[in-house]
Amino acid sequence: MTIATSVRFDIKTAPQLVSYESIVRVWKEADGIESIGGAWLFDHFMPLGPDQTGPIFEGWTLLGALAAETQRLRLGLMVTGNTYRHPAILANIGATVDVVSQGRLDFGIGAGWFQFEHDAYGIPLPPPRERIDRLGEACEVIKLMWTERAPDFDGQYYHLTGAYCEPKPVQNPYPPFVIGGGGEQRTLRVAARYADMWNLVGVDLETYRHKSSVLDERCAEIGRDPSDIVRSIQLNPDLENLRAAREDAARFIDAGARHVVFGLRTPYPDRIVERMAEEVVAPLQGA
């Protein structure tokens, strides 16, 4: 069995088709288990899956509530859709959650993708190339607002004039940027420039290895050490077969992942985080 003492293990609870009380229960359980490093939500306004009519909580609002309900966990959205909010607004939202959590925010962001949701809400979804260019500008805008008193910015898509963001995040210089996506020509270039952590979801092992090697190349192009970027993978385990979840995680760890996020499907079984810690994480850590 792979020994992974340097790997962080997190959980993710999609805030759809579930009660607030159930999510709080799972997050509080995770908060009390030292081997679980963090917890995540996603960022959508309509449920993913075949039925978009069910209940779903807005991600950043819920994240602020969960920040107040927990004490230890790192927390974030895996990942924020950049198309949903102007980055100046998002900078203020993220700073607020970092303050509420006393410096526990991991700032996840991606280009956005869910066409049905954009159409339903009347939110423009630009073509892929523009979306990625907007993502890069958004990262620059947010970093400026988190580090400068009242920055100006004149980009192709976003413009700031004396844009205050107070209070600043607790974390110095700012919360870690977690960038999701695997597009080799543009997304991985944005990740190489801005990411502290890079995440993929829904890929097989060989694809993960390949995308990670491309990220190395994109870092080399700008003179950045690729080891500065933590490699992350999201897995969706069968909660009735935790042995398979452990073996799956071990394979990605062998491929270089140092951050593993386990998506928990609803309804959440009793003691599911405790069982994940005991039957998946502990053996991988050699405990």
C-alpha atoms as a PDB file:
ATOM      1  CA  MET A   1       0.000   0.000   0.000  1.00  0.00           C
ATOM      2  CA  THR A   2       1.261   3.465  -0.857  1.00  0.00           C
ATOM      3  CA  ILE A   3       2.355   5.527   2.136  1.00  0.00           C
ATOM      4  CA  ALA A   4       1.163   9.105   1.650  1.00  0.00           C
ATOM      5  CA  THR A   5       2.057  11.093   4.746  1.00  0.00           C
ATOM      6  CA  SER A   6       2.539  14.261   2.662  1.00  0.00           C
ATOM      7  CA  VAL A   7      -0.877  14.047   0.995  1.00  0.00           C
ATOM      8  CA  ARG A   8      -3.860  16.099   2.133  1.00  0.00           C
ATOM      9  CA  PHE A   9      -7.231  14.342   2.079  1.00  0.00           C
ATOM     10  CA  ASP A  10     -10.447  16.373   1.838  1.00  0.00           C
ATOM     11  CA  ILE A  11     -14.157  15.814   1.374  1.00  0.00           C
ATOM     12  CA  LYS A  12     -16.604  17.539  -0.970  1.00  0.00           C
ATOM     13  CA  THR A  13     -20.342  17.869  -0.449  1.00  0.00           C
ATOM     14  CA  ALA A  14     -22.288  19.060  -3.490  1.00  0.00           C
ATOM     15  CA  PRO A  15     -24.937  21.407  -2.024  1.00  0.00           C
ATOM     16  CA  GLN A  16     -27.799  20.038  -4.110  1.00  0.00           C
ATOM     17  CA  LEU A  17     -30.741  17.773  -3.259  1.00  0.00           C
ATOM     18  CA  VAL A  18     -29.719  17.822   0.400  1.00  0.00           C
ATOM     19  CA  SER A  19     -30.662  19.693   3.562  1.00  0.00           C
ATOM     20  CA  TYR A  20     -28.524  22.343   5.208  1.00  0.00           C
ATOM     21  CA  GLU A  21     -28.598  20.310   8.406  1.00  0.00           C
ATOM     22  CA  SER A  22     -27.115  17.280   6.636  1.00  0.00           C
ATOM     23  CA  ILE A  23     -24.219  19.280   5.215  1.00  0.00           C
ATOM     24  CA  VAL A  24     -23.501  20.889   8.589  1.00  0.00           C
ATOM     25  CA  ARG A  25     -23.487  17.437  10.215  1.00  0.00           C
ATOM     26  CA  VAL A  26     -20.928  16.092   7.752  1.00  0.00           C
ATOM     27  CA  TRP A  27     -18.701  19.175   7.918  1.00  0.00           C
ATOM     28  CA  LYS A  28     -18.703  19.195  11.707  1.00  0.00           C
ATOM     29  CA  GLU A  29     -17.828  15.510  11.714  1.00  0.00           C
ATOM     30  CA  ALA A  30     -14.926  16.216   9.355  1.00  0.00           C
ATOM     31  CA  ASP A  31     -13.838  19.200  11.439  1.00  0.00           C
ATOM     32  CA  GLY A  32     -13.205  16.857  14.355  1.00  0.00           C
ATOM     33  CA  ILE A  33     -11.055  14.378  12.393  1.00  0.00           C
ATOM     34  CA  GLU A  34      -7.449  15.504  12.103  1.00  0.00           C
ATOM     35  CA  SER A  35      -6.632  13.394   9.047  1.00  0.00           C
ATOM     36  CA  ILE A  36      -9.264  15.238   6.987  1.00  0.00           C
ATOM     37  CA  GLY A  37      -7.642  18.482   5.919  1.00  0.00           C
ATOM     38  CA  GLY A  38     -10.442  20.356   4.228  1.00  0.00           C
ATOM     39  CA  ALA A  39     -13.966  20.412   2.830  1.00  0.00           C
ATOM     40  CA  TRP A  40     -15.426  21.785  -0.388  1.00  0.00           C
ATOM     41  CA  LEU A  41     -18.690  22.794  -2.010  1.00  0.00           C
ATOM     42  CA  PHE A  42     -19.355  23.430  -5.690  1.00  0.00           C
ATOM     43  CA  ASP A  43     -20.562  26.570  -7.455  1.00  0.00           C
ATOM     44  CA  HIS A  44     -23.838  26.154  -9.333  1.00  0.00           C
ATOM     45  CA  PHE A  45     -27.337  27.606  -9.132  1.00  0.00           C
ATOM     46  CA  MET A  46     -29.219  24.670 -10.639  1.00  0.00           C
ATOM     47  CA  PRO A  47     -28.576  20.995  -9.847  1.00  0.00           C
ATOM     48  CA  LEU A  48     -26.270  18.950 -12.022  1.00  0.00           C
ATOM     49  CA  GLY A  49     -27.805  15.779 -13.378  1.00  0.00           C
ATOM     50  CA  PRO A  50     -30.968  14.930 -15.277  1.00  0.00           C
ATOM     51  CA  ASP A  51     -33.310  17.110 -13.186  1.00  0.00           C
ATOM     52  CA  GLN A  52     -32.569  20.826 -12.775  1.00  0.00           C
ATOM     53  CA  THR A  53     -35.709  21.507 -10.717  1.00  0.00           C
ATOM     54  CA  GLY A  54     -34.492  20.319  -7.305  1.00  0.00           C
ATOM     55  CA  PRO A  55     -33.188  22.389  -4.376  1.00  0.00           C
ATOM     56  CA  ILE A  56     -29.639  23.724  -4.350  1.00  0.00           C
ATOM     57  CA  PHE A  57     -27.785  26.181  -2.107  1.00  0.00           C
ATOM     58  CA  GLU A  58     -25.723  29.089  -3.426  1.00  0.00           C
ATOM     59  CA  GLY A  59     -22.108  28.098  -2.858  1.00  0.00           C
ATOM     60  CA  TRP A  60     -20.416  31.187  -1.438  1.00  0.00           C
ATOM     61  CA  THR A  61     -23.297  32.013   0.900  1.00  0.00           C
ATOM     62  CA  LEU A  62     -23.256  28.467   2.230  1.00  0.00           C
ATOM     63  CA  LEU A  63     -19.473  28.502   2.506  1.00  0.00           C
ATOM     64  CA  GLY A  64     -19.625  31.562   4.757  1.00  0.00           C
ATOM     65  CA  ALA A  65     -22.113  29.786   7.017  1.00  0.00           C
ATOM     66  CA  LEU A  66     -19.951  26.667   7.179  1.00  0.00           C
ATOM     67  CA  ALA A  67     -16.883  28.779   7.916  1.00  0.00           C
ATOM     68  CA  ALA A  68     -18.679  29.959  11.037  1.00  0.00           C
ATOM     69  CA  GLU A  69     -19.758  26.407  11.929  1.00  0.00           C
ATOM     70  CA  THR A  70     -16.223  24.929  11.778  1.00  0.00           C
ATOM     71  CA  GLN A  71     -12.915  25.659  13.472  1.00  0.00           C
ATOM     72  CA  ARG A  72     -10.104  23.755  11.716  1.00  0.00           C
ATOM     73  CA  LEU A  73     -10.917  22.638   8.174  1.00  0.00           C
ATOM     74  CA  ARG A  74      -9.535  24.381   5.128  1.00  0.00           C
ATOM     75  CA  LEU A  75     -12.540  25.240   2.965  1.00  0.00           C
ATOM     76  CA  GLY A  76     -13.521  26.464  -0.468  1.00  0.00           C
ATOM     77  CA  LEU A  77     -15.528  26.000  -3.653  1.00  0.00           C
ATOM     78  CA  MET A  78     -14.201  23.420  -6.099  1.00  0.00           C
ATOM     79  CA  VAL A  79     -14.374  25.557  -8.163  1.00  0.00           C
ATOM     80  CA  THR A  80     -15.989  28.987  -8.525  1.00  0.00           C
ATOM     81  CA  GLY A  81     -17.303  29.693 -12.023  1.00  0.00           C
ATOM     82  CA  ASN A  82     -15.652  32.937 -13.107  1.00  0.00           C
ATOM     83  CA  THR A  83     -18.555  33.750 -15.445  1.00  0.00           C
ATOM     84  CA  TYR A  84     -21.041  34.078 -12.577  1.00  0.00           C
ATOM     85  CA  ARG A  85     -19.560  37.101 -10.784  1.00  0.00           C
ATOM     86  CA  HIS A  86     -17.416  40.080 -11.674  1.00  0.00           C
ATOM     87  CA  PRO A  87     -13.970  39.376 -10.180  1.00  0.00           C
ATOM     88  CA  ALA A  88     -14.019  42.582  -8.130  1.00  0.00           C
ATOM     89  CA  ILE A  89     -17.184  41.349  -6.425  1.00  0.00           C
ATOM     90  CA  LEU A  90     -15.681  37.884  -6.036  1.00  0.00           C
ATOM     91  CA  ALA A  91     -12.573  39.375  -4.405  1.00  0.00           C
ATOM     92  CA  ASN A  92     -14.770  40.952  -1.725  1.00  0.00           C
ATOM     93  CA  ILE A  93     -16.724  37.735  -1.206  1.00  0.00           C
ATOM     94  CA  GLY A  94     -13.549  35.674  -0.861  1.00  0.00           C
ATOM     95  CA  ALA A  95     -11.956  38.151   1.527  1.00  0.00           C
ATOM     96  CA  THR A  96     -15.062  38.064   3.716  1.00  0.00           C
ATOM     97  CA  VAL A  97     -15.047  34.255   3.915  1.00  0.00           C
ATOM     98  CA  ASP A  98     -11.335  34.261   4.730  1.00  0.00           C
ATOM     99  CA  VAL A  99     -11.982  36.666   7.606  1.00  0.00           C
ATOM    100  CA  VAL A 100     -14.976  34.676   8.881  1.00  0.00           C
ATOM    101  CA  SER A 101     -12.938  31.458   8.771  1.00  0.00           C
ATOM    102  CA  GLN A 102      -9.907  33.133  10.375  1.00  0.00           C
ATOM    103  CA  GLY A 103      -7.711  32.389   7.388  1.00  0.00           C
ATOM    104  CA  ARG A 104      -8.867  28.975   6.174  1.00  0.00           C
ATOM    105  CA  LEU A 105     -10.022  29.763   2.627  1.00  0.00           C
ATOM    106  CA  ASP A 106      -8.592  27.952  -0.394  1.00  0.00           C
ATOM    107  CA  PHE A 107      -9.734  30.054  -3.339  1.00  0.00           C
ATOM    108  CA  GLY A 108     -10.952  27.744  -6.099  1.00  0.00           C
ATOM    109  CA  ILE A 109     -11.705  29.241  -9.515  1.00  0.00           C
ATOM    110  CA  GLY A 110     -12.312  27.997 -13.051  1.00  0.00           C
ATOM    111  CA  ALA A 111     -13.550  29.337 -16.373  1.00  0.00           C
ATOM    112  CA  GLY A 112     -17.210  28.204 -16.090  1.00  0.00           C
ATOM    113  CA  TRP A 113     -18.974  25.706 -18.332  1.00  0.00           C
ATOM    114  CA  PHE A 114     -22.630  24.819 -17.583  1.00  0.00           C
ATOM    115  CA  GLN A 115     -24.450  26.102 -20.670  1.00  0.00           C
ATOM    116  CA  PHE A 116     -27.977  25.189 -19.474  1.00  0.00           C
ATOM    117  CA  GLU A 117     -27.551  27.170 -16.291  1.00  0.00           C
ATOM    118  CA  HIS A 118     -26.160  30.213 -18.071  1.00  0.00           C
ATOM    119  CA  ASP A 119     -29.036  30.178 -20.541  1.00  0.00           C
ATOM    120  CA  ALA A 120     -31.635  29.844 -17.785  1.00  0.00           C
ATOM    121  CA  TYR A 121     -30.206  32.754 -15.801  1.00  0.00           C
ATOM    122  CA  GLY A 122     -29.424  34.961 -18.767  1.00  0.00           C
ATOM    123  CA  ILE A 123     -25.705  34.928 -17.972  1.00  0.00           C
ATOM    124  CA  PRO A 124     -23.490  35.109 -21.071  1.00  0.00           C
ATOM    125  CA  LEU A 125     -21.198  32.126 -21.579  1.00  0.00           C
ATOM    126  CA  PRO A 126     -18.459  33.245 -23.960  1.00  0.00           C
ATOM    127  CA  PRO A 127     -16.631  30.836 -26.276  1.00  0.00           C
ATOM    128  CA  PRO A 128     -13.919  28.731 -24.598  1.00  0.00           C
ATOM    129  CA  ARG A 129     -10.974  30.906 -25.650  1.00  0.00           C
ATOM    130  CA  GLU A 130     -12.559  34.062 -24.255  1.00  0.00           C
ATOM    131  CA  ARG A 131     -13.599  32.268 -21.073  1.00  0.00           C
ATOM    132  CA  ILE A 132     -10.005  31.239 -20.380  1.00  0.00           C
ATOM    133  CA  ASP A 133      -8.684  34.711 -21.156  1.00  0.00           C
ATOM    134  CA  ARG A 134     -11.256  36.128 -18.757  1.00  0.00           C
ATOM    135  CA  LEU A 135     -10.125  33.630 -16.114  1.00  0.00           C
ATOM    136  CA  GLY A 136      -6.542  34.844 -16.372  1.00  0.00           C
ATOM    137  CA  GLU A 137      -7.602  38.487 -16.071  1.00  0.00           C
ATOM    138  CA  ALA A 138      -9.873  37.633 -13.138  1.00  0.00           C
ATOM    139  CA  CYS A 139      -6.980  36.020 -11.251  1.00  0.00           C
ATOM    140  CA  GLU A 140      -4.932  39.180 -11.795  1.00  0.00           C
ATOM    141  CA  VAL A 141      -7.781  41.442 -10.660  1.00  0.00           C
ATOM    142  CA  ILE A 142      -8.414  39.418  -7.500  1.00  0.00           C
ATOM    143  CA  LYS A 143      -4.756  39.295  -6.527  1.00  0.00           C
ATOM    144  CA  LEU A 144      -4.493  43.062  -6.979  1.00  0.00           C
ATOM    145  CA  MET A 145      -7.540  43.685  -4.805  1.00  0.00           C
ATOM    146  CA  TRP A 146      -6.180  41.394  -2.101  1.00  0.00           C
ATOM    147  CA  THR A 147      -2.726  42.993  -2.027  1.00  0.00           C
ATOM    148  CA  GLU A 148      -3.087  46.676  -2.992  1.00  0.00           C
ATOM    149  CA  ARG A 149      -5.008  49.443  -1.267  1.00  0.00           C
ATOM    150  CA  ALA A 150      -7.092  50.685  -4.216  1.00  0.00           C
ATOM    151  CA  PRO A 151      -5.812  49.177  -7.465  1.00  0.00           C
ATOM    152  CA  ASP A 152      -6.476  50.258 -11.023  1.00  0.00           C
ATOM    153  CA  PHE A 153      -6.653  47.690 -13.800  1.00  0.00           C
ATOM    154  CA  ASP A 154      -7.284  48.117 -17.496  1.00  0.00           C
ATOM    155  CA  GLY A 155      -7.659  44.732 -19.136  1.00  0.00           C
ATOM    156  CA  GLN A 156      -9.459  43.520 -22.205  1.00  0.00           C
ATOM    157  CA  TYR A 157     -12.482  42.352 -20.204  1.00  0.00           C
ATOM    158  CA  TYR A 158     -12.222  43.874 -16.717  1.00  0.00           C
ATOM    159  CA  HIS A 159     -11.512  47.418 -15.566  1.00  0.00           C
ATOM    160  CA  LEU A 160     -10.899  48.817 -12.088  1.00  0.00           C
ATOM    161  CA  THR A 161     -10.516  52.404 -10.914  1.00  0.00           C
ATOM    162  CA  GLY A 162      -9.492  52.801  -7.280  1.00  0.00           C
ATOM    163  CA  ALA A 163     -11.149  49.499  -6.351  1.00  0.00           C
ATOM    164  CA  TYR A 164     -11.108  49.073  -2.580  1.00  0.00           C
ATOM    165  CA  CYS A 165     -11.439  45.665  -0.946  1.00  0.00           C
ATOM    166  CA  GLU A 166     -11.469  46.021   2.814  1.00  0.00           C
ATOM    167  CA  PRO A 167     -10.880  44.161   4.981  1.00  0.00           C
ATOM    168  CA  LYS A 168      -8.190  42.213   3.195  1.00  0.00           C
ATOM    169  CA  PRO A 169      -8.005  38.431   3.588  1.00  0.00           C
ATOM    170  CA  VAL A 170      -6.395  37.156   6.773  1.00  0.00           C
ATOM    171  CA  GLN A 171      -3.906  35.033   4.838  1.00  0.00           C
ATOM    172  CA  ASN A 172      -0.794  36.842   3.675  1.00  0.00           C
ATOM    173  CA  PRO A 173      -0.317  37.703   0.893  1.00  0.00           C
ATOM    174  CA  TYR A 174      -3.672  36.074  -0.013  1.00  0.00           C
ATOM    175  CA  PRO A 175      -5.541  32.745   0.099  1.00  0.00           C
ATOM    176  CA  PRO A 176      -4.052  30.004  -2.105  1.00  0.00           C
ATOM    177  CA  PHE A 177      -5.432  29.930  -5.644  1.00  0.00           C
ATOM    178  CA  VAL A 178      -6.845  26.560  -6.709  1.00  0.00           C
ATOM    179  CA  ILE A 179      -7.411  26.435 -10.455  1.00  0.00           C
ATOM    180  CA  GLY A 180      -9.480  23.674 -12.005  1.00  0.00           C
ATOM    181  CA  GLY A 181      -9.331  22.489 -15.594  1.00  0.00           C
ATOM    182  CA  GLY A 182      -7.178  20.633 -18.074  1.00  0.00           C
ATOM    183  CA  GLY A 183      -7.165  22.567 -21.344  1.00  0.00           C
ATOM    184  CA  GLU A 184      -3.598  22.262 -22.540  1.00  0.00           C
ATOM    185  CA  GLN A 185      -3.249  25.366 -24.702  1.00  0.00           C
ATOM    186  CA  ARG A 186      -4.831  27.970 -22.429  1.00  0.00           C
ATOM    187  CA  THR A 187      -6.147  26.712 -19.055  1.00  0.00           C
ATOM    188  CA  LEU A 188      -2.870  25.087 -18.038  1.00  0.00           C
ATOM    189  CA  ARG A 189      -1.032  28.284 -18.947  1.00  0.00           C
ATOM    190  CA  VAL A 190      -3.305  30.183 -16.555  1.00  0.00           C
ATOM    191  CA  ALA A 191      -2.671  27.507 -13.910  1.00  0.00           C
ATOM    192  CA  ALA A 192       1.083  27.721 -14.444  1.00  0.00           C
ATOM    193  CA  ARG A 193       0.992  31.465 -13.840  1.00  0.00           C
ATOM    194  CA  TYR A 194      -1.506  31.741 -10.994  1.00  0.00           C
ATOM    195  CA  ALA A 195      -2.218  28.397  -9.292  1.00  0.00           C
ATOM    196  CA  ASP A 196      -0.933  27.298  -5.920  1.00  0.00           C
ATOM    197  CA  MET A 197      -2.920  24.118  -6.468  1.00  0.00           C
ATOM    198  CA  TRP A 198      -4.226  22.585  -9.702  1.00  0.00           C
ATOM    199  CA  ASN A 199      -7.210  20.238  -9.726  1.00  0.00           C
ATOM    200  CA  LEU A 200      -8.737  17.793 -12.173  1.00  0.00           C
ATOM    201  CA  VAL A 201     -11.941  15.785 -11.882  1.00  0.00           C
ATOM    202  CA  GLY A 202     -13.397  12.921 -13.887  1.00  0.00           C
ATOM    203  CA  VAL A 203     -10.227  11.773 -15.661  1.00  0.00           C
ATOM    204  CA  ASP A 204      -8.465   8.424 -15.831  1.00  0.00           C
ATOM    205  CA  LEU A 205      -4.967   7.837 -14.534  1.00  0.00           C
ATOM    206  CA  GLU A 206      -3.145   8.190 -17.847  1.00  0.00           C
ATOM    207  CA  THR A 207      -4.951  11.422 -18.671  1.00  0.00           C
ATOM    208  CA  TYR A 208      -4.015  12.770 -15.246  1.00  0.00           C
ATOM    209  CA  ARG A 209      -0.355  11.933 -15.768  1.00  0.00           C
ATOM    210  CA  HIS A 210      -0.378  13.527 -19.204  1.00  0.00           C
ATOM    211  CA  LYS A 211      -2.085  16.746 -18.082  1.00  0.00           C
ATOM    212  CA  SER A 212       0.301  17.037 -15.138  1.00  0.00           C
ATOM    213  CA  SER A 213       3.285  16.716 -17.474  1.00  0.00           C
ATOM    214  CA  VAL A 214       1.829  19.432 -19.713  1.00  0.00           C
ATOM    215  CA  LEU A 215       1.483  21.676 -16.658  1.00  0.00           C
ATOM    216  CA  ASP A 216       5.190  21.076 -16.009  1.00  0.00           C
ATOM    217  CA  GLU A 217       5.895  22.283 -19.546  1.00  0.00           C
ATOM    218  CA  ARG A 218       3.735  25.368 -19.122  1.00  0.00           C
ATOM    219  CA  CYS A 219       5.626  26.223 -15.923  1.00  0.00           C
ATOM    220  CA  ALA A 220       8.947  25.826 -17.736  1.00  0.00           C
ATOM    221  CA  GLU A 221       7.769  28.269 -20.404  1.00  0.00           C
ATOM    222  CA  ILE A 222       7.470  31.066 -17.826  1.00  0.00           C
ATOM    223  CA  GLY A 223      10.357  30.000 -15.598  1.00  0.00           C
ATOM    224  CA  ARG A 224       8.247  28.752 -12.704  1.00  0.00           C
ATOM    225  CA  ASP A 225       9.222  25.739 -10.631  1.00  0.00           C
ATOM    226  CA  PRO A 226       6.433  23.171 -11.277  1.00  0.00           C
ATOM    227  CA  SER A 227       6.864  21.781  -7.771  1.00  0.00           C
ATOM    228  CA  ASP A 228       5.371  25.048  -6.489  1.00  0.00           C
ATOM    229  CA  ILE A 229       1.949  23.835  -7.679  1.00  0.00           C
ATOM    230  CA  VAL A 230       0.248  21.122  -5.618  1.00  0.00           C
ATOM    231  CA  ARG A 231      -1.370  18.488  -7.855  1.00  0.00           C
ATOM    232  CA  SER A 232      -4.956  17.683  -6.870  1.00  0.00           C
ATOM    233  CA  ILE A 233      -7.517  15.098  -7.965  1.00  0.00           C
ATOM    234  CA  GLN A 234     -11.242  14.761  -7.260  1.00  0.00           C
ATOM    235  CA  LEU A 235     -12.587  11.236  -6.896  1.00  0.00           C
ATOM    236  CA  ASN A 236     -16.198  10.119  -6.488  1.00  0.00           C
ATOM    237  CA  PRO A 237     -15.973   6.932  -4.457  1.00  0.00           C
ATOM    238  CA  ASP A 238     -18.577   4.236  -4.056  1.00  0.00           C
ATOM    239  CA  LEU A 239     -19.377   4.693  -0.367  1.00  0.00           C
ATOM    240  CA  GLU A 240     -20.293   1.014  -0.184  1.00  0.00           C
ATOM    241  CA  ASN A 241     -16.832  -0.029  -1.388  1.00  0.00           C
ATOM    242  CA  LEU A 242     -14.237   2.000   0.471  1.00  0.00           C
ATOM    243  CA  ARG A 243     -11.492  -0.498  -0.333  1.00  0.00           C
ATOM    244  CA  ALA A 244     -11.850   0.411  -4.004  1.00  0.00           C
ATOM    245  CA  ALA A 245     -11.766   4.099  -3.058  1.00  0.00           C
ATOM    246  CA  ARG A 246      -8.501   3.555  -1.200  1.00  0.00           C
ATOM    247  CA  GLU A 247      -6.935   1.692  -4.125  1.00  0.00           C
ATOM    248  CA  ASP A 248      -8.080   4.347  -6.582  1.00  0.00           C
ATOM    249  CA  ALA A 249      -6.597   7.118  -4.446  1.00  0.00           C
ATOM    250  CA  ALA A 250      -3.325   5.209  -4.120  1.00  0.00           C
ATOM    251  CA  ARG A 251      -2.932   5.058  -7.897  1.00  0.00           C
ATOM    252  CA  PHE A 252      -3.340   8.817  -8.284  1.00  0.00           C
ATOM    253  CA  ILE A 253      -0.973   9.458  -5.388  1.00  0.00           C
ATOM    254  CA  ASP A 254       1.612   7.308  -7.153  1.00  0.00           C
ATOM    255  CA  ALA A 255       1.021   9.508 -10.215  1.00  0.00           C
ATOM    256  CA  GLY A 256       1.917  12.638  -8.257  1.00  0.00           C
ATOM    257  CA  ALA A 257      -1.299  13.817  -6.582  1.00  0.00           C
ATOM    258  CA  ARG A 258      -0.665  15.445  -3.217  1.00  0.00           C
ATOM    259  CA  HIS A 259      -4.241  16.501  -2.635  1.00  0.00           C
ATOM    260  CA  VAL A 260      -7.156  14.068  -2.878  1.00  0.00           C
ATOM    261  CA  VAL A 261     -10.776  15.222  -2.665  1.00  0.00           C
ATOM    262  CA  PHE A 262     -13.455  12.601  -2.065  1.00  0.00           C
ATOM    263  CA  GLY A 263     -16.894  13.612  -3.306  1.00  0.00           C
ATOM    264  CA  LEU A 264     -19.580  12.314  -0.946  1.00  0.00           C
ATOM    265  CA  ARG A 265     -22.915  11.411  -2.520  1.00  0.00           C
ATOM    266  CA  THR A 266     -26.199  12.015  -0.761  1.00  0.00           C
ATOM    267  CA  PRO A 267     -27.825  10.775   1.357  1.00  0.00           C
ATOM    268  CA  TYR A 268     -24.762  10.836   3.597  1.00  0.00           C
ATOM    269  CA  PRO A 269     -24.435   7.598   5.594  1.00  0.00           C
ATOM    270  CA  ASP A 270     -23.930   7.912   9.336  1.00  0.00           C
ATOM    271  CA  ARG A 271     -20.272   8.291  10.311  1.00  0.00           C
ATOM    272  CA  ILE A 272     -19.231   8.442   6.652  1.00  0.00           C
ATOM    273  CA  VAL A 273     -16.322  10.831   7.240  1.00  0.00           C
ATOM    274  CA  GLU A 274     -15.112   8.778  10.191  1.00  0.00           C
ATOM    275  CA  ARG A 275     -15.252   5.666   8.025  1.00  0.00           C
ATOM    276  CA  MET A 276     -13.408   7.398   5.193  1.00  0.00           C
ATOM    277  CA  ALA A 277     -10.702   8.438   7.633  1.00  0.00           C
ATOM    278  CA  GLU A 278     -10.391   4.953   9.113  1.00  0.00           C
ATOM    279  CA  GLU A 279     -10.744   2.792   5.993  1.00  0.00           C
ATOM    280  CA  VAL A 280      -9.241   5.020   3.279  1.00  0.00           C
ATOM    281  CA  VAL A 281      -6.996   7.717   4.701  1.00  0.00           C
ATOM    282  CA  ALA A 282      -5.346   5.896   7.608  1.00  0.00           C
ATOM    283  CA  PRO A 283      -4.051   2.955   5.526  1.00  0.00           C
ATOM    284  CA  LEU A 284      -2.711   5.342   2.897  1.00  0.00           C
ATOM    285  CA  GLN A 285      -0.869   7.287   5.569  1.00  0.00           C
ATOM    286  CA  GLY A 286       0.557   4.111   7.061  1.00  0.00           C
ATOM    287  CA  ALA A 287      -1.368   4.608  10.297  1.00  0.00           C
END
